Amino acid sequence: MYGEHHPLTPPASPAKVAWGLSVTQLLVLGIGAGLSYRLAHLIPPLPVKNFFFAHVHHFVPLGVTALLLFAREGKTGMNLAVYLANLAAYKFRRKTFVWRR
């Protein structure tokens, strides 16, 4: 019938471009890498002899974008960025209050 989902057809999935990631995922990771690169130019390295620990704070934007991109919310299964956007839209929606006397 019209509008029913056929059980044999697989759900549509985004095309994987490189390293098993979609175009959107690559774009978001690129934005995080760009922010990390700019942060590395603005903030000097920490005064530690180990190179990795001296520059670890420069990768915070990349880590945050990766967390928002790949982490999933437990109940809904949505990724964290979509879940937080929907939660914000729900919290800041226009509310209509109805009082009865």
Foldseek 3Di string as FASTA:
>chain_A
DPPDDDPVDDDDDADQDPPRHHPVLVVLLVVLVVQLVVVPVVDDFDPDPDPCNRSVVSNVSNVVSCQQVPDADDPPRHRNVVVVVVVVCVVPPDDDDDDDD
